[in-house]
């Protein structure tokens, strides 16, 4: 019951006016791409410097945003905001449960997160970053049980993240930090002549995942390389 109330409180902070100052240009870019059928790579709306080339790291979010607006106008945008916040809350709850937290503590933590973070619950692509960050942690948590599935999940996650928000570099940074921690853990265990578990396999998994996530974000206009998903499926897990 507390978990349900915590989730409800979390999502309720999305019940407000659409106040993002970026909303207009994100919608305009999404509309332009929908009509032109290509990713916008030049500033089409600048008065002082029209046609200035730039890398649009938000194009996928902008398409989804405009699609929601085309379907339901302001109501469609509000529904999209609530869905993103609900996805974030459910993702956080799943991660906390995987870490062994009970329903009571999970629900209370969700309420605390909402109370301290509600100012960021606006319809901006950074919401996608929050969701992707949590799912990176989730996939790291389940990598021992489903190594290949976690690899594929990280690749697909990074493809979406790279094309939704410019903070996508947090993905490989988080994996790199986790890899460094694991190396230090293994080194400390060996120095103390203690078992570090299946360290070799885990280190190989983290190293490949870090490199793959970094390579995935390379490419013109941040268009991620889909073929990396196929590479992950073929890569040996032992």
C-alpha atoms as a PDB file:
ATOM      1  CA  UNK A   1       0.000   0.000   0.000  1.00  0.00           C
ATOM      2  CA  UNK A   2       2.801   2.421   0.884  1.00  0.00           C
ATOM      3  CA  UNK A   3       4.536   1.574  -2.396  1.00  0.00           C
ATOM      4  CA  UNK A   4       1.369   2.367  -4.375  1.00  0.00           C
ATOM      5  CA  UNK A   5       0.908   5.628  -2.493  1.00  0.00           C
ATOM      6  CA  UNK A   6       4.545   6.526  -3.090  1.00  0.00           C
ATOM      7  CA  UNK A   7       4.155   5.928  -6.832  1.00  0.00           C
ATOM      8  CA  UNK A   8       0.930   7.940  -6.887  1.00  0.00           C
ATOM      9  CA  UNK A   9       2.617  10.818  -5.072  1.00  0.00           C
ATOM     10  CA  UNK A  10       5.527  10.614  -7.485  1.00  0.00           C
ATOM     11  CA  UNK A  11       3.328  10.852 -10.583  1.00  0.00           C
ATOM     12  CA  UNK A  12       1.072  13.522  -9.062  1.00  0.00           C
ATOM     13  CA  UNK A  13       3.920  16.042  -9.313  1.00  0.00           C
ATOM     14  CA  UNK A  14       3.422  15.961 -13.067  1.00  0.00           C
ATOM     15  CA  UNK A  15      -0.056  17.477 -12.715  1.00  0.00           C
ATOM     16  CA  UNK A  16       0.855  21.060 -13.514  1.00  0.00           C
ATOM     17  CA  UNK A  17       0.884  23.518 -16.388  1.00  0.00           C
ATOM     18  CA  UNK A  18       3.280  22.981 -19.268  1.00  0.00           C
ATOM     19  CA  UNK A  19       5.847  25.546 -18.201  1.00  0.00           C
ATOM     20  CA  UNK A  20       9.029  24.484 -20.049  1.00  0.00           C
ATOM     21  CA  UNK A  21      10.606  27.428 -21.864  1.00  0.00           C
ATOM     22  CA  UNK A  22      12.065  24.977 -24.427  1.00  0.00           C
ATOM     23  CA  UNK A  23       8.718  23.529 -25.417  1.00  0.00           C
ATOM     24  CA  UNK A  24       8.122  25.853 -28.375  1.00  0.00           C
ATOM     25  CA  UNK A  25      11.321  25.200 -30.266  1.00  0.00           C
ATOM     26  CA  UNK A  26      11.217  21.455 -29.571  1.00  0.00           C
ATOM     27  CA  UNK A  27       7.739  21.371 -31.103  1.00  0.00           C
ATOM     28  CA  UNK A  28       8.866  23.492 -34.050  1.00  0.00           C
ATOM     29  CA  UNK A  29      11.800  21.203 -34.762  1.00  0.00           C
ATOM     30  CA  UNK A  30       9.575  18.149 -34.492  1.00  0.00           C
ATOM     31  CA  UNK A  31       7.057  19.658 -36.875  1.00  0.00           C
ATOM     32  CA  UNK A  32       9.770  20.585 -39.384  1.00  0.00           C
ATOM     33  CA  UNK A  33      11.265  17.071 -39.337  1.00  0.00           C
ATOM     34  CA  UNK A  34       7.845  15.470 -39.722  1.00  0.00           C
ATOM     35  CA  UNK A  35       7.092  17.582 -42.788  1.00  0.00           C
ATOM     36  CA  UNK A  36      10.553  17.349 -44.363  1.00  0.00           C
ATOM     37  CA  UNK A  37      11.215  13.705 -43.538  1.00  0.00           C
ATOM     38  CA  UNK A  38      14.791  14.273 -42.340  1.00  0.00           C
ATOM     39  CA  UNK A  39      16.678  15.076 -39.151  1.00  0.00           C
ATOM     40  CA  UNK A  40      17.163  18.805 -38.774  1.00  0.00           C
ATOM     41  CA  UNK A  41      20.859  19.720 -38.812  1.00  0.00           C
ATOM     42  CA  UNK A  42      20.706  23.451 -39.552  1.00  0.00           C
ATOM     43  CA  UNK A  43      19.063  26.250 -37.623  1.00  0.00           C
ATOM     44  CA  UNK A  44      15.962  26.889 -39.705  1.00  0.00           C
ATOM     45  CA  UNK A  45      14.431  29.412 -37.305  1.00  0.00           C
ATOM     46  CA  UNK A  46      17.294  31.837 -36.587  1.00  0.00           C
ATOM     47  CA  UNK A  47      16.787  35.469 -37.585  1.00  0.00           C
ATOM     48  CA  UNK A  48      20.424  36.509 -37.195  1.00  0.00           C
ATOM     49  CA  UNK A  49      22.123  33.411 -38.651  1.00  0.00           C
ATOM     50  CA  UNK A  50      19.724  31.171 -40.595  1.00  0.00           C
ATOM     51  CA  UNK A  51      21.115  27.878 -41.812  1.00  0.00           C
ATOM     52  CA  UNK A  52      23.790  27.621 -39.122  1.00  0.00           C
ATOM     53  CA  UNK A  53      24.764  23.916 -38.884  1.00  0.00           C
ATOM     54  CA  UNK A  54      24.453  22.177 -35.525  1.00  0.00           C
ATOM     55  CA  UNK A  55      24.186  18.679 -34.059  1.00  0.00           C
ATOM     56  CA  UNK A  56      20.626  18.060 -32.919  1.00  0.00           C
ATOM     57  CA  UNK A  57      20.956  15.640 -30.016  1.00  0.00           C
ATOM     58  CA  UNK A  58      17.234  15.843 -29.217  1.00  0.00           C
ATOM     59  CA  UNK A  59      15.668  14.906 -32.535  1.00  0.00           C
ATOM     60  CA  UNK A  60      14.018  11.667 -31.415  1.00  0.00           C
ATOM     61  CA  UNK A  61      12.467  13.350 -28.381  1.00  0.00           C
ATOM     62  CA  UNK A  62      11.271  16.197 -30.581  1.00  0.00           C
ATOM     63  CA  UNK A  63       9.543  13.805 -32.958  1.00  0.00           C
ATOM     64  CA  UNK A  64       7.768  12.095 -30.053  1.00  0.00           C
ATOM     65  CA  UNK A  65       6.831  15.467 -28.607  1.00  0.00           C
ATOM     66  CA  UNK A  66       5.324  16.707 -31.838  1.00  0.00           C
ATOM     67  CA  UNK A  67       3.553  13.381 -32.370  1.00  0.00           C
ATOM     68  CA  UNK A  68       1.891  13.749 -28.962  1.00  0.00           C
ATOM     69  CA  UNK A  69       0.889  17.308 -29.789  1.00  0.00           C
ATOM     70  CA  UNK A  70      -0.515  16.273 -33.171  1.00  0.00           C
ATOM     71  CA  UNK A  71      -2.641  13.591 -31.509  1.00  0.00           C
ATOM     72  CA  UNK A  72      -3.996  15.596 -28.583  1.00  0.00           C
ATOM     73  CA  UNK A  73      -2.583  19.123 -28.542  1.00  0.00           C
ATOM     74  CA  UNK A  74      -2.019  20.320 -24.953  1.00  0.00           C
ATOM     75  CA  UNK A  75      -3.768  17.251 -23.516  1.00  0.00           C
ATOM     76  CA  UNK A  76      -1.481  14.995 -25.531  1.00  0.00           C
ATOM     77  CA  UNK A  77       1.572  16.809 -24.168  1.00  0.00           C
ATOM     78  CA  UNK A  78       0.279  16.512 -20.607  1.00  0.00           C
ATOM     79  CA  UNK A  79      -0.318  12.783 -21.056  1.00  0.00           C
ATOM     80  CA  UNK A  80       3.220  12.383 -22.415  1.00  0.00           C
ATOM     81  CA  UNK A  81       4.622  14.207 -19.371  1.00  0.00           C
ATOM     82  CA  UNK A  82       2.696  11.975 -16.966  1.00  0.00           C
ATOM     83  CA  UNK A  83       3.809   8.835 -18.823  1.00  0.00           C
ATOM     84  CA  UNK A  84       7.459   9.867 -18.624  1.00  0.00           C
ATOM     85  CA  UNK A  85       7.207  10.635 -14.912  1.00  0.00           C
ATOM     86  CA  UNK A  86       5.376   7.350 -14.304  1.00  0.00           C
ATOM     87  CA  UNK A  87       8.089   5.482 -16.232  1.00  0.00           C
ATOM     88  CA  UNK A  88      10.735   7.146 -14.081  1.00  0.00           C
ATOM     89  CA  UNK A  89       8.907   6.278 -10.859  1.00  0.00           C
ATOM     90  CA  UNK A  90       8.361   2.652 -11.880  1.00  0.00           C
ATOM     91  CA  UNK A  91      11.994   2.346 -12.971  1.00  0.00           C
ATOM     92  CA  UNK A  92      13.206   3.672  -9.634  1.00  0.00           C
ATOM     93  CA  UNK A  93      10.883   1.289  -7.784  1.00  0.00           C
ATOM     94  CA  UNK A  94      12.168  -1.664  -9.823  1.00  0.00           C
ATOM     95  CA  UNK A  95      15.790  -0.756  -9.145  1.00  0.00           C
ATOM     96  CA  UNK A  96      15.193  -0.389  -5.419  1.00  0.00           C
ATOM     97  CA  UNK A  97      13.424  -3.740  -5.309  1.00  0.00           C
ATOM     98  CA  UNK A  98      16.355  -5.359  -7.158  1.00  0.00           C
ATOM     99  CA  UNK A  99      18.635  -3.893  -4.506  1.00  0.00           C
ATOM    100  CA  UNK A 100      16.589  -5.603  -1.806  1.00  0.00           C
ATOM    101  CA  UNK A 101      14.574  -2.665  -0.482  1.00  0.00           C
ATOM    102  CA  UNK A 102      11.129  -3.492   0.912  1.00  0.00           C
ATOM    103  CA  UNK A 103       7.845  -1.942  -0.287  1.00  0.00           C
ATOM    104  CA  UNK A 104       7.649   0.460   2.674  1.00  0.00           C
ATOM    105  CA  UNK A 105      11.125   1.916   2.201  1.00  0.00           C
ATOM    106  CA  UNK A 106      10.689   1.997  -1.583  1.00  0.00           C
ATOM    107  CA  UNK A 107       7.432   3.941  -1.321  1.00  0.00           C
ATOM    108  CA  UNK A 108       8.878   6.412   1.172  1.00  0.00           C
ATOM    109  CA  UNK A 109      11.957   6.900  -0.990  1.00  0.00           C
ATOM    110  CA  UNK A 110       9.837   7.602  -4.062  1.00  0.00           C
ATOM    111  CA  UNK A 111       7.881  10.239  -2.133  1.00  0.00           C
ATOM    112  CA  UNK A 112      11.147  11.799  -0.923  1.00  0.00           C
ATOM    113  CA  UNK A 113      12.584  11.873  -4.451  1.00  0.00           C
ATOM    114  CA  UNK A 114       9.436  13.541  -5.757  1.00  0.00           C
ATOM    115  CA  UNK A 115       9.476  16.174  -3.016  1.00  0.00           C
ATOM    116  CA  UNK A 116      13.096  17.084  -3.698  1.00  0.00           C
ATOM    117  CA  UNK A 117      13.090  16.799  -7.513  1.00  0.00           C
ATOM    118  CA  UNK A 118       9.651  17.950  -8.653  1.00  0.00           C
ATOM    119  CA  UNK A 119      11.077  21.164 -10.152  1.00  0.00           C
ATOM    120  CA  UNK A 120      12.731  19.013 -12.829  1.00  0.00           C
ATOM    121  CA  UNK A 121       9.485  17.203 -13.680  1.00  0.00           C
ATOM    122  CA  UNK A 122       8.897  19.303 -16.788  1.00  0.00           C
ATOM    123  CA  UNK A 123       8.437  18.276 -20.403  1.00  0.00           C
ATOM    124  CA  UNK A 124      12.075  18.413 -21.445  1.00  0.00           C
ATOM    125  CA  UNK A 125      14.381  15.712 -22.883  1.00  0.00           C
ATOM    126  CA  UNK A 126      16.232  15.506 -19.578  1.00  0.00           C
ATOM    127  CA  UNK A 127      13.395  13.287 -18.319  1.00  0.00           C
ATOM    128  CA  UNK A 128      14.599  10.690 -20.813  1.00  0.00           C
ATOM    129  CA  UNK A 129      18.083  10.984 -19.311  1.00  0.00           C
ATOM    130  CA  UNK A 130      16.754  10.271 -15.812  1.00  0.00           C
ATOM    131  CA  UNK A 131      14.953   7.167 -17.066  1.00  0.00           C
ATOM    132  CA  UNK A 132      17.984   5.956 -19.014  1.00  0.00           C
ATOM    133  CA  UNK A 133      20.274   6.496 -16.035  1.00  0.00           C
ATOM    134  CA  UNK A 134      18.072   4.315 -13.836  1.00  0.00           C
ATOM    135  CA  UNK A 135      17.823   1.621 -16.496  1.00  0.00           C
ATOM    136  CA  UNK A 136      21.596   1.594 -16.873  1.00  0.00           C
ATOM    137  CA  UNK A 137      21.773   0.791 -13.163  1.00  0.00           C
ATOM    138  CA  UNK A 138      19.064  -1.868 -13.548  1.00  0.00           C
ATOM    139  CA  UNK A 139      20.926  -3.597 -16.389  1.00  0.00           C
ATOM    140  CA  UNK A 140      24.147  -3.494 -14.387  1.00  0.00           C
ATOM    141  CA  UNK A 141      22.274  -5.099 -11.509  1.00  0.00           C
ATOM    142  CA  UNK A 142      20.992  -8.028 -13.600  1.00  0.00           C
ATOM    143  CA  UNK A 143      24.129  -8.604 -15.705  1.00  0.00           C
ATOM    144  CA  UNK A 144      25.166 -11.719 -13.751  1.00  0.00           C
ATOM    145  CA  UNK A 145      21.883 -13.493 -14.492  1.00  0.00           C
ATOM    146  CA  UNK A 146      21.402 -12.270 -18.080  1.00  0.00           C
ATOM    147  CA  UNK A 147      24.761 -11.102 -19.469  1.00  0.00           C
ATOM    148  CA  UNK A 148      23.845 -11.084 -23.166  1.00  0.00           C
ATOM    149  CA  UNK A 149      20.414  -9.587 -22.508  1.00  0.00           C
ATOM    150  CA  UNK A 150      22.000  -6.834 -20.439  1.00  0.00           C
ATOM    151  CA  UNK A 151      24.507  -6.114 -23.217  1.00  0.00           C
ATOM    152  CA  UNK A 152      21.743  -5.827 -25.809  1.00  0.00           C
ATOM    153  CA  UNK A 153      19.642  -3.744 -23.442  1.00  0.00           C
ATOM    154  CA  UNK A 154      22.508  -1.306 -22.859  1.00  0.00           C
ATOM    155  CA  UNK A 155      23.105  -0.939 -26.601  1.00  0.00           C
ATOM    156  CA  UNK A 156      19.439  -0.278 -27.377  1.00  0.00           C
ATOM    157  CA  UNK A 157      19.189   2.041 -24.380  1.00  0.00           C
ATOM    158  CA  UNK A 158      22.194   4.053 -25.554  1.00  0.00           C
ATOM    159  CA  UNK A 159      20.776   4.333 -29.090  1.00  0.00           C
ATOM    160  CA  UNK A 160      17.588   5.881 -27.716  1.00  0.00           C
ATOM    161  CA  UNK A 161      19.421   8.040 -25.181  1.00  0.00           C
ATOM    162  CA  UNK A 162      21.931   9.378 -27.739  1.00  0.00           C
ATOM    163  CA  UNK A 163      19.154  10.615 -29.971  1.00  0.00           C
ATOM    164  CA  UNK A 164      16.997  12.116 -27.207  1.00  0.00           C
ATOM    165  CA  UNK A 165      19.264  14.211 -24.974  1.00  0.00           C
ATOM    166  CA  UNK A 166      22.750  15.657 -24.946  1.00  0.00           C
ATOM    167  CA  UNK A 167      23.514  14.099 -21.540  1.00  0.00           C
ATOM    168  CA  UNK A 168      23.888  10.677 -23.182  1.00  0.00           C
ATOM    169  CA  UNK A 169      27.598  10.686 -22.267  1.00  0.00           C
ATOM    170  CA  UNK A 170      26.549   9.871 -18.716  1.00  0.00           C
ATOM    171  CA  UNK A 171      25.878   6.311 -19.915  1.00  0.00           C
ATOM    172  CA  UNK A 172      29.454   5.300 -20.775  1.00  0.00           C
ATOM    173  CA  UNK A 173      30.724   7.472 -17.892  1.00  0.00           C
ATOM    174  CA  UNK A 174      28.616   5.477 -15.431  1.00  0.00           C
ATOM    175  CA  UNK A 175      29.774   2.185 -16.902  1.00  0.00           C
ATOM    176  CA  UNK A 176      33.379   3.351 -16.858  1.00  0.00           C
ATOM    177  CA  UNK A 177      33.084   4.314 -13.196  1.00  0.00           C
ATOM    178  CA  UNK A 178      31.571   0.904 -12.417  1.00  0.00           C
ATOM    179  CA  UNK A 179      34.428  -0.771 -14.285  1.00  0.00           C
ATOM    180  CA  UNK A 180      37.028   1.198 -12.290  1.00  0.00           C
ATOM    181  CA  UNK A 181      35.328   0.250  -9.029  1.00  0.00           C
ATOM    182  CA  UNK A 182      35.312  -3.431 -10.027  1.00  0.00           C
ATOM    183  CA  UNK A 183      39.014  -3.311 -10.912  1.00  0.00           C
ATOM    184  CA  UNK A 184      39.821  -1.790  -7.516  1.00  0.00           C
ATOM    185  CA  UNK A 185      37.613  -4.382  -5.794  1.00  0.00           C
ATOM    186  CA  UNK A 186      39.394  -7.244  -7.545  1.00  0.00           C
ATOM    187  CA  UNK A 187      42.825  -5.753  -6.794  1.00  0.00           C
ATOM    188  CA  UNK A 188      41.955  -5.349  -3.108  1.00  0.00           C
ATOM    189  CA  UNK A 189      40.622  -8.908  -2.919  1.00  0.00           C
ATOM    190  CA  UNK A 190      43.771 -10.341  -4.477  1.00  0.00           C
ATOM    191  CA  UNK A 191      46.005  -8.244  -2.201  1.00  0.00           C
ATOM    192  CA  UNK A 192      44.153  -9.668   0.800  1.00  0.00           C
ATOM    193  CA  UNK A 193      44.182 -13.130  -0.797  1.00  0.00           C
ATOM    194  CA  UNK A 194      40.410 -13.276  -0.813  1.00  0.00           C
ATOM    195  CA  UNK A 195      38.121 -14.578  -3.552  1.00  0.00           C
ATOM    196  CA  UNK A 196      36.686 -11.939  -5.878  1.00  0.00           C
ATOM    197  CA  UNK A 197      34.194 -14.311  -7.467  1.00  0.00           C
ATOM    198  CA  UNK A 198      34.106 -14.676 -11.272  1.00  0.00           C
ATOM    199  CA  UNK A 199      36.089 -11.456 -11.629  1.00  0.00           C
ATOM    200  CA  UNK A 200      37.533 -12.127 -15.081  1.00  0.00           C
ATOM    201  CA  UNK A 201      34.194 -12.623 -16.736  1.00  0.00           C
ATOM    202  CA  UNK A 202      32.668  -9.626 -14.983  1.00  0.00           C
ATOM    203  CA  UNK A 203      35.577  -7.357 -15.920  1.00  0.00           C
ATOM    204  CA  UNK A 204      35.360  -8.451 -19.554  1.00  0.00           C
ATOM    205  CA  UNK A 205      31.622  -7.773 -19.504  1.00  0.00           C
ATOM    206  CA  UNK A 206      32.072  -4.266 -18.085  1.00  0.00           C
ATOM    207  CA  UNK A 207      34.963  -3.428 -20.410  1.00  0.00           C
ATOM    208  CA  UNK A 208      33.074  -4.471 -23.545  1.00  0.00           C
ATOM    209  CA  UNK A 209      29.896  -2.738 -22.386  1.00  0.00           C
ATOM    210  CA  UNK A 210      31.792   0.514 -21.715  1.00  0.00           C
ATOM    211  CA  UNK A 211      33.472   0.461 -25.132  1.00  0.00           C
ATOM    212  CA  UNK A 212      30.267  -0.461 -26.939  1.00  0.00           C
ATOM    213  CA  UNK A 213      28.276   2.331 -25.296  1.00  0.00           C
ATOM    214  CA  UNK A 214      31.026   4.802 -26.196  1.00  0.00           C
ATOM    215  CA  UNK A 215      31.218   3.652 -29.819  1.00  0.00           C
ATOM    216  CA  UNK A 216      27.432   3.644 -30.122  1.00  0.00           C
ATOM    217  CA  UNK A 217      27.260   7.394 -29.589  1.00  0.00           C
ATOM    218  CA  UNK A 218      29.735   8.137 -32.390  1.00  0.00           C
ATOM    219  CA  UNK A 219      28.453   9.244 -35.766  1.00  0.00           C
ATOM    220  CA  UNK A 220      27.214  12.277 -37.637  1.00  0.00           C
ATOM    221  CA  UNK A 221      24.304  14.077 -35.968  1.00  0.00           C
ATOM    222  CA  UNK A 222      24.489  11.569 -33.076  1.00  0.00           C
ATOM    223  CA  UNK A 223      22.755   8.933 -35.225  1.00  0.00           C
ATOM    224  CA  UNK A 224      23.773   5.788 -33.355  1.00  0.00           C
ATOM    225  CA  UNK A 225      25.040   2.717 -35.128  1.00  0.00           C
ATOM    226  CA  UNK A 226      22.298   0.136 -34.958  1.00  0.00           C
ATOM    227  CA  UNK A 227      24.620  -2.670 -36.094  1.00  0.00           C
ATOM    228  CA  UNK A 228      26.243  -2.660 -32.643  1.00  0.00           C
ATOM    229  CA  UNK A 229      23.192  -4.485 -31.330  1.00  0.00           C
ATOM    230  CA  UNK A 230      23.965  -7.347 -33.723  1.00  0.00           C
ATOM    231  CA  UNK A 231      27.589  -7.289 -32.550  1.00  0.00           C
ATOM    232  CA  UNK A 232      26.470  -7.725 -28.965  1.00  0.00           C
ATOM    233  CA  UNK A 233      24.317 -10.718 -29.840  1.00  0.00           C
ATOM    234  CA  UNK A 234      27.322 -12.450 -31.446  1.00  0.00           C
ATOM    235  CA  UNK A 235      29.896 -11.582 -28.776  1.00  0.00           C
ATOM    236  CA  UNK A 236      30.814 -14.582 -26.580  1.00  0.00           C
ATOM    237  CA  UNK A 237      29.851 -14.397 -22.900  1.00  0.00           C
ATOM    238  CA  UNK A 238      32.629 -16.669 -21.696  1.00  0.00           C
END
